[in-house]
Amino acid sequence: MDEREELQEKLDLLRAEHRDLDDVISRVSENPPFDQLQLSRLKKRKLVLKDQIIWIEDKLYPDIIA
């Protein structure tokens, strides 16, 4: 498996985790009272995942100016 395939696999996993966190965040916030600290940590994790997704996408699909 080459580096590109590994990055694509990692990207797929990160996107799935990001979607899952979206579902968890919406479920947690639907049922008040909810733990604000837990919700904050989930949102922070989601932001970290988004940054990792963007970094990998930039590696896989560089913005080459022709």
Protein backbone atom coordinates (compact mmCIF):
# COMPACT_ATOMS: atom_id res chain seq x y z
CA MET A 1 0.00 0.00 0.00
CA ASP A 2 1.51 3.33 -1.00
CA GLU A 3 1.34 6.62 0.88
CA ARG A 4 -1.55 7.95 -1.22
CA GLU A 5 -3.71 4.90 -0.43
CA GLU A 6 -2.87 5.16 3.26
CA LEU A 7 -3.83 8.83 3.30
CA GLN A 8 -7.11 8.07 1.51
CA GLU A 9 -7.91 5.33 4.03
CA LYS A 10 -7.11 7.67 6.94
CA LEU A 11 -9.24 10.38 5.31
CA ASP A 12 -12.20 8.01 5.04
CA LEU A 13 -11.87 7.05 8.71
CA LEU A 14 -11.65 10.67 9.83
CA ARG A 15 -14.70 11.64 7.78
CA ALA A 16 -16.69 8.77 9.31
CA GLU A 17 -15.66 9.78 12.83
CA HIS A 18 -16.56 13.40 12.04
CA ARG A 19 -20.05 12.33 10.90
CA ASP A 20 -20.47 10.15 13.97
CA LEU A 21 -19.52 13.05 16.23
CA ASP A 22 -22.10 15.19 14.47
CA ASP A 23 -24.78 12.64 15.40
CA VAL A 24 -23.57 12.38 18.99
CA ILE A 25 -23.49 16.16 19.42
CA SER A 26 -27.03 16.54 18.12
CA ARG A 27 -28.31 13.72 20.36
CA VAL A 28 -26.59 15.13 23.44
CA SER A 29 -27.90 18.65 22.84
CA GLU A 30 -31.47 17.45 22.22
CA ASN A 31 -31.96 16.19 25.77
CA PRO A 32 -31.63 19.00 28.30
CA PRO A 33 -30.15 19.26 30.76
CA PHE A 34 -26.96 18.17 29.08
CA ASP A 35 -23.38 18.23 30.22
CA GLN A 36 -21.91 21.41 28.79
CA LEU A 37 -18.35 20.22 29.38
CA GLN A 38 -18.99 16.99 27.48
CA LEU A 39 -20.59 18.92 24.62
CA SER A 40 -17.64 21.30 24.52
CA ARG A 41 -15.16 18.41 24.36
CA LEU A 42 -17.11 16.74 21.56
CA LYS A 43 -17.15 19.95 19.55
CA LYS A 44 -13.43 20.47 20.10
CA ARG A 45 -12.71 16.91 18.94
CA LYS A 46 -14.84 17.57 15.86
CA LEU A 47 -12.78 20.68 15.06
CA VAL A 48 -9.54 18.72 15.44
CA LEU A 49 -10.88 16.10 13.04
CA LYS A 50 -11.86 18.79 10.55
CA ASP A 51 -8.33 20.22 10.65
CA GLN A 52 -6.86 16.75 10.06
CA ILE A 53 -9.29 16.16 7.17
CA ILE A 54 -8.28 19.44 5.54
CA TRP A 55 -4.57 18.66 5.99
CA ILE A 56 -4.92 15.24 4.34
CA GLU A 57 -7.07 16.63 1.52
CA ASP A 58 -4.38 19.23 0.84
CA LYS A 59 -1.77 16.45 0.67
CA LEU A 60 -3.90 14.31 -1.64
CA TYR A 61 -5.22 17.11 -3.85
CA PRO A 62 -2.65 19.91 -3.92
CA ASP A 63 -3.77 23.27 -5.23
CA ILE A 64 -1.44 23.51 -8.21
CA ILE A 65 -1.59 26.78 -10.07
CA ALA A 66 -1.06 26.12 -13.75
